Amino acid sequence: MAIGAFLVGFVFSNSGFKSFLSGFIAIGLLWLGLALYVDNATQSILTEKISQLFPLNLFVLTSLVGGLVGGFASLTGALLKP
């Protein structure tokens, strides 16, 4: 996913903030959708156990981590293009 965000950032080369924000939103929503799908498919067995370890909602945390990876990958791609 990070390679895809990097390539999109490199090809479209928006400004730094726009590039980061687009990668953050796109990959964050993708990870959120995947986490919800897996949670639904497994009847939330693992989600309930892991959510006891973290004070924050697990889906918010997953989206945040995925969004940061996508945002920084897209920003890197945009900044590497001359």
C-alpha atoms as a PDB file:
ATOM      1  CA  MET A   1       0.000   0.000   0.000  1.00  0.00           C
ATOM      2  CA  ALA A   2       2.828   2.360   0.764  1.00  0.00           C
ATOM      3  CA  ILE A   3       4.375   1.724  -2.644  1.00  0.00           C
ATOM      4  CA  GLY A   4       1.084   2.616  -4.320  1.00  0.00           C
ATOM      5  CA  ALA A   5       0.773   5.829  -2.311  1.00  0.00           C
ATOM      6  CA  PHE A   6       4.405   6.658  -3.133  1.00  0.00           C
ATOM      7  CA  LEU A   7       3.782   6.193  -6.855  1.00  0.00           C
ATOM      8  CA  VAL A   8       0.609   8.285  -6.790  1.00  0.00           C
ATOM      9  CA  GLY A   9       2.447  11.034  -4.950  1.00  0.00           C
ATOM     10  CA  PHE A  10       5.295  10.859  -7.448  1.00  0.00           C
ATOM     11  CA  VAL A  11       3.072  10.928 -10.550  1.00  0.00           C
ATOM     12  CA  PHE A  12       0.662  13.662  -9.482  1.00  0.00           C
ATOM     13  CA  SER A  13       3.187  15.679  -7.410  1.00  0.00           C
ATOM     14  CA  ASN A  14       0.852  18.049  -5.579  1.00  0.00           C
ATOM     15  CA  SER A  15       2.116  20.334  -2.855  1.00  0.00           C
ATOM     16  CA  GLY A  16       3.455  18.695   0.285  1.00  0.00           C
ATOM     17  CA  PHE A  17       0.355  19.119   2.426  1.00  0.00           C
ATOM     18  CA  LYS A  18      -2.100  18.074  -0.304  1.00  0.00           C
ATOM     19  CA  SER A  19      -0.022  15.027  -1.098  1.00  0.00           C
ATOM     20  CA  PHE A  20       0.230  13.974   2.554  1.00  0.00           C
ATOM     21  CA  LEU A  21      -3.471  14.550   3.148  1.00  0.00           C
ATOM     22  CA  SER A  22      -4.575  12.578   0.099  1.00  0.00           C
ATOM     23  CA  GLY A  23      -2.372   9.629   1.023  1.00  0.00           C
ATOM     24  CA  PHE A  24      -3.476   9.806   4.659  1.00  0.00           C
ATOM     25  CA  ILE A  25      -7.183   9.799   3.816  1.00  0.00           C
ATOM     26  CA  ALA A  26      -6.957   7.161   1.083  1.00  0.00           C
ATOM     27  CA  ILE A  27      -4.884   4.600   2.968  1.00  0.00           C
ATOM     28  CA  GLY A  28      -6.557   5.377   6.305  1.00  0.00           C
ATOM     29  CA  LEU A  29      -9.994   4.665   4.838  1.00  0.00           C
ATOM     30  CA  LEU A  30      -8.677   1.553   3.114  1.00  0.00           C
ATOM     31  CA  TRP A  31      -7.287   0.188   6.386  1.00  0.00           C
ATOM     32  CA  LEU A  32     -10.499   1.105   8.204  1.00  0.00           C
ATOM     33  CA  GLY A  33     -12.565  -0.792   5.663  1.00  0.00           C
ATOM     34  CA  LEU A  34     -10.282  -3.808   5.851  1.00  0.00           C
ATOM     35  CA  ALA A  35     -10.345  -3.794   9.656  1.00  0.00           C
ATOM     36  CA  LEU A  36     -14.135  -3.613   9.694  1.00  0.00           C
ATOM     37  CA  TYR A  37     -14.348  -6.437   7.153  1.00  0.00           C
ATOM     38  CA  VAL A  38     -12.025  -8.701   9.148  1.00  0.00           C
ATOM     39  CA  ASP A  39     -13.847  -7.810  12.355  1.00  0.00           C
ATOM     40  CA  ASN A  40     -17.164  -8.742  10.807  1.00  0.00           C
ATOM     41  CA  ALA A  41     -15.806 -11.956   9.296  1.00  0.00           C
ATOM     42  CA  THR A  42     -14.360 -13.180  12.615  1.00  0.00           C
ATOM     43  CA  GLN A  43     -17.299 -12.122  14.828  1.00  0.00           C
ATOM     44  CA  SER A  44     -14.995  -9.665  16.721  1.00  0.00           C
ATOM     45  CA  ILE A  45     -13.168 -12.332  18.689  1.00  0.00           C
ATOM     46  CA  LEU A  46      -9.706 -10.832  18.268  1.00  0.00           C
ATOM     47  CA  THR A  47     -10.943  -7.241  18.370  1.00  0.00           C
ATOM     48  CA  GLU A  48     -12.441  -7.661  21.825  1.00  0.00           C
ATOM     49  CA  LYS A  49      -9.233  -9.149  23.227  1.00  0.00           C
ATOM     50  CA  ILE A  50      -6.903  -6.575  21.715  1.00  0.00           C
ATOM     51  CA  SER A  51      -9.134  -3.614  22.575  1.00  0.00           C
ATOM     52  CA  GLN A  52      -8.572  -4.429  26.254  1.00  0.00           C
ATOM     53  CA  LEU A  53      -4.875  -3.602  25.776  1.00  0.00           C
ATOM     54  CA  PHE A  54      -5.330  -0.182  24.174  1.00  0.00           C
ATOM     55  CA  PRO A  55      -7.278   2.732  25.651  1.00  0.00           C
ATOM     56  CA  LEU A  56      -8.195   4.019  22.179  1.00  0.00           C
ATOM     57  CA  ASN A  57     -10.713   2.440  19.828  1.00  0.00           C
ATOM     58  CA  LEU A  58      -8.939  -0.213  17.790  1.00  0.00           C
ATOM     59  CA  PHE A  59     -10.434   0.948  14.493  1.00  0.00           C
ATOM     60  CA  VAL A  60      -9.307   4.532  15.084  1.00  0.00           C
ATOM     61  CA  LEU A  61      -5.811   3.312  15.930  1.00  0.00           C
ATOM     62  CA  THR A  62      -5.673   1.114  12.830  1.00  0.00           C
ATOM     63  CA  SER A  63      -6.828   3.948  10.584  1.00  0.00           C
ATOM     64  CA  LEU A  64      -4.330   6.334  12.144  1.00  0.00           C
ATOM     65  CA  VAL A  65      -1.366   4.012  11.623  1.00  0.00           C
ATOM     66  CA  GLY A  66      -2.394   3.218   8.052  1.00  0.00           C
ATOM     67  CA  GLY A  67      -3.049   6.863   7.328  1.00  0.00           C
ATOM     68  CA  LEU A  68       0.367   7.922   8.577  1.00  0.00           C
ATOM     69  CA  VAL A  69       2.086   5.285   6.448  1.00  0.00           C
ATOM     70  CA  GLY A  70       0.113   6.321   3.369  1.00  0.00           C
ATOM     71  CA  GLY A  71       0.535  10.031   4.032  1.00  0.00           C
ATOM     72  CA  PHE A  72       4.288   9.876   4.468  1.00  0.00           C
ATOM     73  CA  ALA A  73       4.683   7.580   1.458  1.00  0.00           C
ATOM     74  CA  SER A  74       2.701   9.960  -0.729  1.00  0.00           C
ATOM     75  CA  LEU A  75       4.605  12.963   0.637  1.00  0.00           C
ATOM     76  CA  THR A  76       7.914  11.247  -0.093  1.00  0.00           C
ATOM     77  CA  GLY A  77       6.842  10.530  -3.651  1.00  0.00           C
ATOM     78  CA  ALA A  78       5.775  14.135  -4.184  1.00  0.00           C
ATOM     79  CA  LEU A  79       8.997  15.562  -2.771  1.00  0.00           C
ATOM     80  CA  LEU A  80      11.299  13.296  -4.779  1.00  0.00           C
ATOM     81  CA  LYS A  81      10.007  14.494  -8.134  1.00  0.00           C
ATOM     82  CA  PRO A  82      12.187  17.367  -9.386  1.00  0.00           C
END
